[in-house]
PDB file of N, CA and C in Angstrom:
ATOM      1  N   MET A   1    -102.668-140.303 115.320  1.00  0.00           N
ATOM      2  CA  MET A   1    -102.257-140.703 113.989  1.00  0.00           C
ATOM      3  C   MET A   1    -102.995-139.793 113.001  1.00  0.00           C
ATOM      4  N   SER A   2    -102.251-138.962 112.308  1.00  0.00           N
ATOM      5  CA  SER A   2    -102.884-138.039 111.366  1.00  0.00           C
ATOM      6  C   SER A   2    -103.254-138.756 110.069  1.00  0.00           C
ATOM      7  N   ALA A   3    -104.204-138.162 109.358  1.00  0.00           N
ATOM      8  CA  ALA A   3    -104.631-138.738 108.078  1.00  0.00           C
ATOM      9  C   ALA A   3    -103.480-138.744 107.083  1.00  0.00           C
ATOM     10  N   ASN A   4    -102.674-137.681 107.086  1.00  0.00           N
ATOM     11  CA  ASN A   4    -101.530-137.629 106.157  1.00  0.00           C
ATOM     12  C   ASN A   4    -100.518-138.720 106.458  1.00  0.00           C
ATOM     13  N   ALA A   5    -100.280-138.970 107.730  1.00  0.00           N
ATOM     14  CA  ALA A   5     -99.332-140.014 108.110  1.00  0.00           C
ATOM     15  C   ALA A   5     -99.865-141.385 107.710  1.00  0.00           C
ATOM     16  N   LEU A   6    -101.141-141.597 107.904  1.00  0.00           N
ATOM     17  CA  LEU A   6    -101.737-142.872 107.525  1.00  0.00           C
ATOM     18  C   LEU A   6    -101.683-143.065 106.010  1.00  0.00           C
ATOM     19  N   LEU A   7    -101.961-142.011 105.247  1.00  0.00           N
ATOM     20  CA  LEU A   7    -101.866-142.097 103.786  1.00  0.00           C
ATOM     21  C   LEU A   7    -100.436-142.374 103.341  1.00  0.00           C
ATOM     22  N   ALA A   8     -99.475-141.719 103.986  1.00  0.00           N
ATOM     23  CA  ALA A   8     -98.067-141.965 103.652  1.00  0.00           C
ATOM     24  C   ALA A   8     -97.703-143.415 103.951  1.00  0.00           C
ATOM     25  N   LEU A   9     -98.189-143.934 105.064  1.00  0.00           N
ATOM     26  CA  LEU A   9     -97.900-145.325 105.426  1.00  0.00           C
ATOM     27  C   LEU A   9     -98.537-146.293 104.431  1.00  0.00           C
ATOM     28  N   LEU A  10     -99.772-146.039 104.052  1.00  0.00           N
ATOM     29  CA  LEU A  10    -100.429-146.907 103.072  1.00  0.00           C
ATOM     30  C   LEU A  10     -99.715-146.861 101.723  1.00  0.00           C
ATOM     31  N   ALA A  11     -99.282-145.674 101.319  1.00  0.00           N
ATOM     32  CA  ALA A  11     -98.522-145.546 100.066  1.00  0.00           C
ATOM     33  C   ALA A  11     -97.178-146.269 100.183  1.00  0.00           C
ATOM     34  N   ALA A  12     -96.567-146.227 101.372  1.00  0.00           N
ATOM     35  CA  ALA A  12     -95.308-146.948 101.598  1.00  0.00           C
ATOM     36  C   ALA A  12     -95.524-148.448 101.441  1.00  0.00           C
ATOM     37  N   ILE A  13     -96.652-148.936 101.934  1.00  0.00           N
ATOM     38  CA  ILE A  13     -96.966-150.365 101.810  1.00  0.00           C
ATOM     39  C   ILE A  13     -97.139-150.737 100.346  1.00  0.00           C
ATOM     40  N   VAL A  14     -97.884-149.932  99.605  1.00  0.00           N
ATOM     41  CA  VAL A  14     -98.101-150.203  98.181  1.00  0.00           C
ATOM     42  C   VAL A  14     -96.767-150.203  97.442  1.00  0.00           C
ATOM     43  N   SER A  15     -95.910-149.229  97.735  1.00  0.00           N
ATOM     44  CA  SER A  15     -94.593-149.157  97.081  1.00  0.00           C
ATOM     45  C   SER A  15     -93.743-150.376  97.403  1.00  0.00           C
ATOM     46  N   GLU A  16     -93.789-150.814  98.645  1.00  0.00           N
ATOM     47  CA  GLU A  16     -93.004-151.973  99.051  1.00  0.00           C
ATOM     48  C   GLU A  16     -93.519-153.240  98.362  1.00  0.00           C
ATOM     49  N   VAL A  17     -94.829-153.376  98.263  1.00  0.00           N
ATOM     50  CA  VAL A  17     -95.416-154.556  97.611  1.00  0.00           C
ATOM     51  C   VAL A  17     -95.080-154.559  96.121  1.00  0.00           C
ATOM     52  N   ILE A  18     -95.125-153.400  95.498  1.00  0.00           N
ATOM     53  CA  ILE A  18     -94.726-153.297  94.085  1.00  0.00           C
ATOM     54  C   ILE A  18     -93.258-153.684  93.925  1.00  0.00           C
ATOM     55  N   GLY A  19     -92.406-153.175  94.808  1.00  0.00           N
ATOM     56  CA  GLY A  19     -90.982-153.514  94.753  1.00  0.00           C
ATOM     57  C   GLY A  19     -90.735-154.995  94.954  1.00  0.00           C
ATOM     58  N   THR A  20     -91.447-155.587  95.889  1.00  0.00           N
ATOM     59  CA  THR A  20     -91.279-157.017  96.155  1.00  0.00           C
ATOM     60  C   THR A  20     -91.781-157.858  94.991  1.00  0.00           C
ATOM     61  N   THR A  21     -92.893-157.461  94.411  1.00  0.00           N
ATOM     62  CA  THR A  21     -93.418-158.175  93.248  1.00  0.00           C
ATOM     63  C   THR A  21     -92.439-158.076  92.082  1.00  0.00           C
ATOM     64  N   ALA A  22     -91.884-156.888  91.873  1.00  0.00           N
ATOM     65  CA  ALA A  22     -90.893-156.707  90.805  1.00  0.00           C
ATOM     66  C   ALA A  22     -89.650-157.540  91.064  1.00  0.00           C
ATOM     67  N   LEU A  23     -89.336-157.779  92.347  1.00  0.00           N
ATOM     68  CA  LEU A  23     -88.177-158.598  92.694  1.00  0.00           C
ATOM     69  C   LEU A  23     -88.320-160.000  92.097  1.00  0.00           C
ATOM     70  N   LYS A  24     -89.517-160.539  92.147  1.00  0.00           N
ATOM     71  CA  LYS A  24     -89.763-161.852  91.545  1.00  0.00           C
ATOM     72  C   LYS A  24     -89.573-161.782  90.024  1.00  0.00           C
ATOM     73  N   PHE A  25     -90.067-160.711  89.414  1.00  0.00           N
ATOM     74  CA  PHE A  25     -89.943-160.537  87.969  1.00  0.00           C
ATOM     75  C   PHE A  25     -88.516-160.215  87.517  1.00  0.00           C
ATOM     76  N   SER A  26     -87.673-159.735  88.450  1.00  0.00           N
ATOM     77  CA  SER A  26     -86.317-159.316  88.075  1.00  0.00           C
ATOM     78  C   SER A  26     -85.400-160.491  87.733  1.00  0.00           C
ATOM     79  N   ASP A  27     -85.808-161.680  88.123  1.00  0.00           N
ATOM     80  CA  ASP A  27     -85.019-162.885  87.837  1.00  0.00           C
ATOM     81  C   ASP A  27     -83.580-162.725  88.335  1.00  0.00           C
ATOM     82  N   GLY A  28     -83.480-162.448  89.639  1.00  0.00           N
ATOM     83  CA  GLY A  28     -82.150-162.290  90.238  1.00  0.00           C
ATOM     84  C   GLY A  28     -81.427-161.041  89.760  1.00  0.00           C
ATOM     85  N   PHE A  29     -82.177-159.979  89.513  1.00  0.00           N
ATOM     86  CA  PHE A  29     -81.651-158.701  89.018  1.00  0.00           C
ATOM     87  C   PHE A  29     -81.005-158.831  87.641  1.00  0.00           C
ATOM     88  N   SER A  30     -81.442-159.830  86.870  1.00  0.00           N
ATOM     89  CA  SER A  30     -80.898-159.989  85.518  1.00  0.00           C
ATOM     90  C   SER A  30     -81.743-159.268  84.469  1.00  0.00           C
ATOM     91  N   ARG A  31     -82.916-158.775  84.857  1.00  0.00           N
ATOM     92  CA  ARG A  31     -83.778-158.045  83.936  1.00  0.00           C
ATOM     93  C   ARG A  31     -83.832-156.586  84.385  1.00  0.00           C
ATOM     94  N   PRO A  32     -83.382-155.651  83.531  1.00  0.00           N
ATOM     95  CA  PRO A  32     -83.220-154.252  83.951  1.00  0.00           C
ATOM     96  C   PRO A  32     -84.489-153.549  84.436  1.00  0.00           C
ATOM     97  N   LEU A  33     -85.584-153.615  83.707  1.00  0.00           N
ATOM     98  CA  LEU A  33     -86.777-152.858  84.105  1.00  0.00           C
ATOM     99  C   LEU A  33     -87.342-153.326  85.446  1.00  0.00           C
ATOM    100  N   PRO A  34     -87.579-154.618  85.629  1.00  0.00           N
ATOM    101  CA  PRO A  34     -88.056-155.034  86.955  1.00  0.00           C
ATOM    102  C   PRO A  34     -87.052-154.705  88.064  1.00  0.00           C
ATOM    103  N   SER A  35     -85.758-154.779  87.765  1.00  0.00           N
ATOM    104  CA  SER A  35     -84.737-154.447  88.768  1.00  0.00           C
ATOM    105  C   SER A  35     -84.822-152.981  89.156  1.00  0.00           C
ATOM    106  N   LEU A  36     -85.050-152.115  88.187  1.00  0.00           N
ATOM    107  CA  LEU A  36     -85.213-150.680  88.463  1.00  0.00           C
ATOM    108  C   LEU A  36     -86.462-150.446  89.316  1.00  0.00           C
ATOM    109  N   ILE A  37     -87.535-151.150  89.004  1.00  0.00           N
ATOM    110  CA  ILE A  37     -88.768-151.016  89.788  1.00  0.00           C
ATOM    111  C   ILE A  37     -88.541-151.449  91.234  1.00  0.00           C
ATOM    112  N   VAL A  38     -87.736-152.472  91.444  1.00  0.00           N
ATOM    113  CA  VAL A  38     -87.401-152.908  92.808  1.00  0.00           C
ATOM    114  C   VAL A  38     -86.742-151.765  93.574  1.00  0.00           C
ATOM    115  N   VAL A  39     -85.715-151.189  92.984  1.00  0.00           N
ATOM    116  CA  VAL A  39     -84.953-150.128  93.666  1.00  0.00           C
ATOM    117  C   VAL A  39     -85.836-148.911  93.932  1.00  0.00           C
ATOM    118  N   VAL A  40     -86.586-148.480  92.932  1.00  0.00           N
ATOM    119  CA  VAL A  40     -87.457-147.312  93.094  1.00  0.00           C
ATOM    120  C   VAL A  40     -88.565-147.619  94.095  1.00  0.00           C
ATOM    121  N   GLY A  41     -89.145-148.815  94.007  1.00  0.00           N
ATOM    122  CA  GLY A  41     -90.222-149.180  94.924  1.00  0.00           C
ATOM    123  C   GLY A  41     -89.782-149.169  96.376  1.00  0.00           C
ATOM    124  N   TYR A  42     -88.626-149.764  96.649  1.00  0.00           N
ATOM    125  CA  TYR A  42     -88.138-149.773  98.033  1.00  0.00           C
ATOM    126  C   TYR A  42     -87.700-148.390  98.501  1.00  0.00           C
ATOM    127  N   ALA A  43     -87.033-147.635  97.638  1.00  0.00           N
ATOM    128  CA  ALA A  43     -86.611-146.275  98.021  1.00  0.00           C
ATOM    129  C   ALA A  43     -87.822-145.414  98.349  1.00  0.00           C
ATOM    130  N   LEU A  44     -88.832-145.464  97.494  1.00  0.00           N
ATOM    131  CA  LEU A  44     -90.048-144.688  97.742  1.00  0.00           C
ATOM    132  C   LEU A  44     -90.746-145.166  99.007  1.00  0.00           C
ATOM    133  N   SER A  45     -90.772-146.469  99.206  1.00  0.00           N
ATOM    134  CA  SER A  45     -91.408-147.017 100.396  1.00  0.00           C
ATOM    135  C   SER A  45     -90.736-146.502 101.672  1.00  0.00           C
ATOM    136  N   PHE A  46     -89.408-146.537 101.704  1.00  0.00           N
ATOM    137  CA  PHE A  46     -88.703-146.058 102.903  1.00  0.00           C
ATOM    138  C   PHE A  46     -88.893-144.561 103.108  1.00  0.00           C
ATOM    139  N   TYR A  47     -88.921-143.802 102.028  1.00  0.00           N
ATOM    140  CA  TYR A  47     -89.158-142.361 102.152  1.00  0.00           C
ATOM    141  C   TYR A  47     -90.550-142.096 102.730  1.00  0.00           C
ATOM    142  N   LEU A  48     -91.552-142.745 102.155  1.00  0.00           N
ATOM    143  CA  LEU A  48     -92.924-142.548 102.636  1.00  0.00           C
ATOM    144  C   LEU A  48     -93.085-143.038 104.073  1.00  0.00           C
ATOM    145  N   MET A  49     -92.425-144.133 104.400  1.00  0.00           N
ATOM    146  CA  MET A  49     -92.455-144.636 105.779  1.00  0.00           C
ATOM    147  C   MET A  49     -91.871-143.591 106.727  1.00  0.00           C
ATOM    148  N   SER A  50     -90.782-142.952 106.307  1.00  0.00           N
ATOM    149  CA  SER A  50     -90.165-141.931 107.169  1.00  0.00           C
ATOM    150  C   SER A  50     -91.117-140.763 107.407  1.00  0.00           C
ATOM    151  N   LEU A  51     -91.914-140.415 106.404  1.00  0.00           N
ATOM    152  CA  LEU A  51     -92.896-139.345 106.588  1.00  0.00           C
ATOM    153  C   LEU A  51     -93.978-139.759 107.578  1.00  0.00           C
ATOM    154  N   SER A  52     -94.393-141.012 107.515  1.00  0.00           N
ATOM    155  CA  SER A  52     -95.445-141.474 108.420  1.00  0.00           C
ATOM    156  C   SER A  52     -94.973-141.464 109.875  1.00  0.00           C
ATOM    157  N   LEU A  53     -93.668-141.620 110.062  1.00  0.00           N
ATOM    158  CA  LEU A  53     -93.129-141.687 111.432  1.00  0.00           C
ATOM    159  C   LEU A  53     -93.172-140.354 112.164  1.00  0.00           C
ATOM    160  N   ARG A  54     -93.567-139.303 111.472  1.00  0.00           N
ATOM    161  CA  ARG A  54     -93.716-138.006 112.135  1.00  0.00           C
ATOM    162  C   ARG A  54     -94.832-138.047 113.177  1.00  0.00           C
ATOM    163  N   SER A  55     -95.833-138.912 112.960  1.00  0.00           N
ATOM    164  CA  SER A  55     -96.917-138.968 113.937  1.00  0.00           C
ATOM    165  C   SER A  55     -97.382-140.377 114.286  1.00  0.00           C
ATOM    166  N   ILE A  56     -96.765-141.383 113.702  1.00  0.00           N
ATOM    167  CA  ILE A  56     -97.103-142.762 114.059  1.00  0.00           C
ATOM    168  C   ILE A  56     -95.904-143.365 114.786  1.00  0.00           C
ATOM    169  N   PRO A  57     -96.113-143.993 115.931  1.00  0.00           N
ATOM    170  CA  PRO A  57     -94.995-144.614 116.641  1.00  0.00           C
ATOM    171  C   PRO A  57     -94.277-145.647 115.746  1.00  0.00           C
ATOM    172  N   LEU A  58     -92.978-145.714 115.879  1.00  0.00           N
ATOM    173  CA  LEU A  58     -92.153-146.588 115.041  1.00  0.00           C
ATOM    174  C   LEU A  58     -92.632-148.033 115.049  1.00  0.00           C
ATOM    175  N   GLY A  59     -92.836-148.591 116.215  1.00  0.00           N
ATOM    176  CA  GLY A  59     -93.253-149.992 116.305  1.00  0.00           C
ATOM    177  C   GLY A  59     -94.590-150.243 115.637  1.00  0.00           C
ATOM    178  N   THR A  60     -95.513-149.329 115.829  1.00  0.00           N
ATOM    179  CA  THR A  60     -96.829-149.461 115.210  1.00  0.00           C
ATOM    180  C   THR A  60     -96.726-149.340 113.698  1.00  0.00           C
ATOM    181  N   ALA A  61     -96.005-148.335 113.225  1.00  0.00           N
ATOM    182  CA  ALA A  61     -95.854-148.130 111.779  1.00  0.00           C
ATOM    183  C   ALA A  61     -95.178-149.334 111.139  1.00  0.00           C
ATOM    184  N   TYR A  62     -94.136-149.840 111.771  1.00  0.00           N
ATOM    185  CA  TYR A  62     -93.421-150.970 111.190  1.00  0.00           C
ATOM    186  C   TYR A  62     -94.283-152.228 111.184  1.00  0.00           C
ATOM    187  N   ALA A  63     -95.058-152.420 112.242  1.00  0.00           N
ATOM    188  CA  ALA A  63     -95.950-153.587 112.293  1.00  0.00           C
ATOM    189  C   ALA A  63     -96.992-153.514 111.179  1.00  0.00           C
ATOM    190  N   ILE A  64     -97.556-152.348 110.964  1.00  0.00           N
ATOM    191  CA  ILE A  64     -98.543-152.181 109.902  1.00  0.00           C
ATOM    192  C   ILE A  64     -97.885-152.382 108.546  1.00  0.00           C
ATOM    193  N   TRP A  65     -96.743-151.736 108.342  1.00  0.00           N
ATOM    194  CA  TRP A  65     -96.025-151.802 107.065  1.00  0.00           C
ATOM    195  C   TRP A  65     -95.642-153.239 106.721  1.00  0.00           C
ATOM    196  N   SER A  66     -95.017-153.909 107.662  1.00  0.00           N
ATOM    197  CA  SER A  66     -94.558-155.267 107.371  1.00  0.00           C
ATOM    198  C   SER A  66     -95.722-156.258 107.344  1.00  0.00           C
ATOM    199  N   GLY A  67     -96.679-156.106 108.241  1.00  0.00           N
ATOM    200  CA  GLY A  67     -97.795-157.042 108.302  1.00  0.00           C
ATOM    201  C   GLY A  67     -98.705-156.963 107.089  1.00  0.00           C
ATOM    202  N   LEU A  68     -99.136-155.768 106.755  1.00  0.00           N
ATOM    203  CA  LEU A  68    -100.017-155.632 105.594  1.00  0.00           C
ATOM    204  C   LEU A  68     -99.253-155.881 104.298  1.00  0.00           C
ATOM    205  N   GLY A  69     -97.981-155.510 104.283  1.00  0.00           N
ATOM    206  CA  GLY A  69     -97.160-155.813 103.109  1.00  0.00           C
ATOM    207  C   GLY A  69     -97.004-157.308 102.908  1.00  0.00           C
ATOM    208  N   THR A  70     -96.815-158.031 103.996  1.00  0.00           N
ATOM    209  CA  THR A  70     -96.704-159.487 103.909  1.00  0.00           C
ATOM    210  C   THR A  70     -98.008-160.101 103.426  1.00  0.00           C
ATOM    211  N   ALA A  71     -99.117-159.667 103.992  1.00  0.00           N
ATOM    212  CA  ALA A  71    -100.418-160.206 103.585  1.00  0.00           C
ATOM    213  C   ALA A  71    -100.695-159.919 102.113  1.00  0.00           C
ATOM    214  N   ALA A  72    -100.400-158.706 101.665  1.00  0.00           N
ATOM    215  CA  ALA A  72    -100.619-158.346 100.257  1.00  0.00           C
ATOM    216  C   ALA A  72     -99.702-159.145  99.342  1.00  0.00           C
ATOM    217  N   THR A  73     -98.465-159.352  99.767  1.00  0.00           N
ATOM    218  CA  THR A  73     -97.515-160.113  98.955  1.00  0.00           C
ATOM    219  C   THR A  73     -97.944-161.574  98.837  1.00  0.00           C
ATOM    220  N   VAL A  74     -98.450-162.146  99.909  1.00  0.00           N
ATOM    221  CA  VAL A  74     -98.964-163.516  99.849  1.00  0.00           C
ATOM    222  C   VAL A  74    -100.132-163.577  98.862  1.00  0.00           C
ATOM    223  N   ALA A  75    -101.029-162.603  98.937  1.00  0.00           N
ATOM    224  CA  ALA A  75    -102.173-162.585  98.024  1.00  0.00           C
ATOM    225  C   ALA A  75    -101.712-162.484  96.564  1.00  0.00           C
ATOM    226  N   ILE A  76    -100.720-161.656  96.300  1.00  0.00           N
ATOM    227  CA  ILE A  76    -100.197-161.528  94.938  1.00  0.00           C
ATOM    228  C   ILE A  76     -99.556-162.834  94.492  1.00  0.00           C
ATOM    229  N   GLY A  77     -98.833-163.483  95.382  1.00  0.00           N
ATOM    230  CA  GLY A  77     -98.228-164.775  95.052  1.00  0.00           C
ATOM    231  C   GLY A  77     -99.272-165.814  94.685  1.00  0.00           C
ATOM    232  N   VAL A  78    -100.366-165.812  95.414  1.00  0.00           N
ATOM    233  CA  VAL A  78    -101.446-166.759  95.134  1.00  0.00           C
ATOM    234  C   VAL A  78    -102.092-166.434  93.780  1.00  0.00           C
ATOM    235  N   LEU A  79    -102.321-165.151  93.518  1.00  0.00           N
ATOM    236  CA  LEU A  79    -103.006-164.754  92.286  1.00  0.00           C
ATOM    237  C   LEU A  79    -102.120-164.848  91.044  1.00  0.00           C
ATOM    238  N   LEU A  80    -100.880-164.370  91.140  1.00  0.00           N
ATOM    239  CA  LEU A  80    -100.017-164.323  89.958  1.00  0.00           C
ATOM    240  C   LEU A  80     -99.266-165.623  89.689  1.00  0.00           C
ATOM    241  N   TRP A  81     -98.791-166.255  90.752  1.00  0.00           N
ATOM    242  CA  TRP A  81     -97.939-167.432  90.571  1.00  0.00           C
ATOM    243  C   TRP A  81     -98.589-168.719  91.069  1.00  0.00           C
ATOM    244  N   LYS A  82     -99.852-168.628  91.407  1.00  0.00           N
ATOM    245  CA  LYS A  82    -100.616-169.810  91.849  1.00  0.00           C
ATOM    246  C   LYS A  82     -99.948-170.522  93.020  1.00  0.00           C
ATOM    247  N   GLU A  83     -99.324-169.728  93.910  1.00  0.00           N
ATOM    248  CA  GLU A  83     -98.734-170.312  95.114  1.00  0.00           C
ATOM    249  C   GLU A  83     -99.859-170.866  95.990  1.00  0.00           C
ATOM    250  N   SER A  84     -99.547-171.893  96.743  1.00  0.00           N
ATOM    251  CA  SER A  84    -100.582-172.530  97.558  1.00  0.00           C
ATOM    252  C   SER A  84    -100.980-171.641  98.731  1.00  0.00           C
ATOM    253  N   LEU A  85    -102.217-171.819  99.136  1.00  0.00           N
ATOM    254  CA  LEU A  85    -102.734-171.098 100.298  1.00  0.00           C
ATOM    255  C   LEU A  85    -103.344-172.134 101.232  1.00  0.00           C
ATOM    256  N   ASP A  86    -102.460-172.825 101.950  1.00  0.00           N
ATOM    257  CA  ASP A  86    -102.921-173.878 102.845  1.00  0.00           C
ATOM    258  C   ASP A  86    -103.381-173.278 104.178  1.00  0.00           C
ATOM    259  N   PRO A  87    -103.995-174.098 105.032  1.00  0.00           N
ATOM    260  CA  PRO A  87    -104.511-173.577 106.307  1.00  0.00           C
ATOM    261  C   PRO A  87    -103.444-172.885 107.169  1.00  0.00           C
ATOM    262  N   ALA A  88    -102.230-173.383 107.155  1.00  0.00           N
ATOM    263  CA  ALA A  88    -101.171-172.761 107.967  1.00  0.00           C
ATOM    264  C   ALA A  88    -100.877-171.335 107.485  1.00  0.00           C
ATOM    265  N   ARG A  89    -100.847-171.136 106.181  1.00  0.00           N
ATOM    266  CA  ARG A  89    -100.610-169.785 105.650  1.00  0.00           C
ATOM    267  C   ARG A  89    -101.766-168.853 105.999  1.00  0.00           C
ATOM    268  N   VAL A  90    -102.987-169.350 105.891  1.00  0.00           N
ATOM    269  CA  VAL A  90    -104.161-168.537 106.219  1.00  0.00           C
ATOM    270  C   VAL A  90    -104.118-168.140 107.694  1.00  0.00           C
ATOM    271  N   ILE A  91    -103.810-169.087 108.563  1.00  0.00           N
ATOM    272  CA  ILE A  91    -103.723-168.797 109.996  1.00  0.00           C
ATOM    273  C   ILE A  91    -102.601-167.795 110.263  1.00  0.00           C
ATOM    274  N   GLY A  92    -101.453-167.983 109.621  1.00  0.00           N
ATOM    275  CA  GLY A  92    -100.335-167.058 109.812  1.00  0.00           C
ATOM    276  C   GLY A  92    -100.688-165.639 109.407  1.00  0.00           C
ATOM    277  N   ILE A  93    -101.321-165.482 108.254  1.00  0.00           N
ATOM    278  CA  ILE A  93    -101.727-164.146 107.796  1.00  0.00           C
ATOM    279  C   ILE A  93    -102.764-163.560 108.749  1.00  0.00           C
ATOM    280  N   ALA A  94    -103.703-164.372 109.204  1.00  0.00           N
ATOM    281  CA  ALA A  94    -104.714-163.889 110.151  1.00  0.00           C
ATOM    282  C   ALA A  94    -104.061-163.409 111.446  1.00  0.00           C
ATOM    283  N   LEU A  95    -103.039-164.126 111.911  1.00  0.00           N
ATOM    284  CA  LEU A  95    -102.336-163.707 113.134  1.00  0.00           C
ATOM    285  C   LEU A  95    -101.579-162.403 112.916  1.00  0.00           C
ATOM    286  N   ILE A  96    -100.981-162.232 111.740  1.00  0.00           N
ATOM    287  CA  ILE A  96    -100.288-160.978 111.435  1.00  0.00           C
ATOM    288  C   ILE A  96    -101.282-159.821 111.459  1.00  0.00           C
ATOM    289  N   ILE A  97    -102.403-159.997 110.793  1.00  0.00           N
ATOM    290  CA  ILE A  97    -103.415-158.938 110.752  1.00  0.00           C
ATOM    291  C   ILE A  97    -103.971-158.672 112.148  1.00  0.00           C
ATOM    292  N   ALA A  98    -104.180-159.731 112.923  1.00  0.00           N
ATOM    293  CA  ALA A  98    -104.651-159.554 114.301  1.00  0.00           C
ATOM    294  C   ALA A  98    -103.642-158.748 115.113  1.00  0.00           C
ATOM    295  N   GLY A  99    -102.369-159.022 114.926  1.00  0.00           N
ATOM    296  CA  GLY A  99    -101.336-158.269 115.639  1.00  0.00           C
ATOM    297  C   GLY A  99    -101.345-156.800 115.268  1.00  0.00           C
ATOM    298  N   VAL A 100    -101.516-156.502 114.003  1.00  0.00           N
ATOM    299  CA  VAL A 100    -101.598-155.105 113.556  1.00  0.00           C
ATOM    300  C   VAL A 100    -102.809-154.425 114.188  1.00  0.00           C
ATOM    301  N   LEU A 101    -103.937-155.118 114.213  1.00  0.00           N
ATOM    302  CA  LEU A 101    -105.139-154.538 114.812  1.00  0.00           C
ATOM    303  C   LEU A 101    -104.964-154.288 116.311  1.00  0.00           C
ATOM    304  N   VAL A 102    -104.342-155.224 117.002  1.00  0.00           N
ATOM    305  CA  VAL A 102    -104.095-155.040 118.438  1.00  0.00           C
ATOM    306  C   VAL A 102    -103.209-153.819 118.667  1.00  0.00           C
ATOM    307  N   LEU A 103    -102.141-153.689 117.892  1.00  0.00           N
ATOM    308  CA  LEU A 103    -101.254-152.537 118.050  1.00  0.00           C
ATOM    309  C   LEU A 103    -101.982-151.224 117.794  1.00  0.00           C
ATOM    310  N   ASN A 104    -102.884-151.225 116.812  1.00  0.00           N
ATOM    311  CA  ASN A 104    -103.587-150.000 116.456  1.00  0.00           C
ATOM    312  C   ASN A 104    -104.694-149.636 117.415  1.00  0.00           C
ATOM    313  N   PHE A 105    -105.474-150.606 117.849  1.00  0.00           N
ATOM    314  CA  PHE A 105    -106.681-150.281 118.583  1.00  0.00           C
ATOM    315  C   PHE A 105    -106.592-150.524 120.083  1.00  0.00           C
ATOM    316  N   LEU A 106    -105.640-151.290 120.537  1.00  0.00           N
ATOM    317  CA  LEU A 106    -105.540-151.571 121.966  1.00  0.00           C
ATOM    318  C   LEU A 106    -104.335-150.924 122.637  1.00  0.00           C
ATOM    319  N   SER A 107    -103.322-150.586 121.855  1.00  0.00           N
ATOM    320  CA  SER A 107    -102.114-149.990 122.432  1.00  0.00           C
ATOM    321  C   SER A 107    -102.364-148.527 122.797  1.00  0.00           C
ATOM    322  N   LYS A 108    -101.790-148.105 123.887  1.00  0.00           N
ATOM    323  CA  LYS A 108    -101.891-146.716 124.326  1.00  0.00           C
ATOM    324  C   LYS A 108    -100.638-145.924 123.953  1.00  0.00           C
ATOM    325  N   SER A 109     -99.791-146.491 123.133  1.00  0.00           N
ATOM    326  CA  SER A 109     -98.532-145.863 122.745  1.00  0.00           C
ATOM    327  C   SER A 109     -98.778-144.583 121.968  1.00  0.00           C
ATOM    328  N   ALA A 110     -97.943-143.590 122.206  1.00  0.00           N
ATOM    329  CA  ALA A 110     -98.051-142.305 121.488  1.00  0.00           C
ATOM    330  C   ALA A 110     -96.720-142.016 120.803  1.00  0.00           C
ATOM    331  N   ALA A 111     -96.780-141.271 119.728  1.00  0.00           N
ATOM    332  CA  ALA A 111     -95.558-140.887 119.015  1.00  0.00           C
ATOM    333  C   ALA A 111     -94.726-139.962 119.873  1.00  0.00           C
ATOM    334  N   ALA A 112     -93.411-140.137 119.778  1.00  0.00           N
ATOM    335  CA  ALA A 112     -92.502-139.283 120.552  1.00  0.00           C
ATOM    336  C   ALA A 112     -92.226-138.011 119.788  1.00  0.00           C
TER     337      ALA A 112
END
């Protein structure tokens, strides 16, 4: 896993989280600026994800992208919209992060 690929993947996660957060602000795509941020955020995220796939296996990259994106989105929901963070949500996020760590540090998979 090259440093450039990892940076591209992390930037893809940030772009996806920004797009998802803007989705909440878009009010069903009825507000133009947040709606534009959604489209740009997801487009940039997919582009950056595609760059990361040059040296990160697809399954690993997707697990990191979706897992860390989910965890970050939950955190934003808790901070911005005061969504609840009950024990089940905490356990679920911990399991997602554990899965990402297992894929990264225990898997012997190599990029094709």
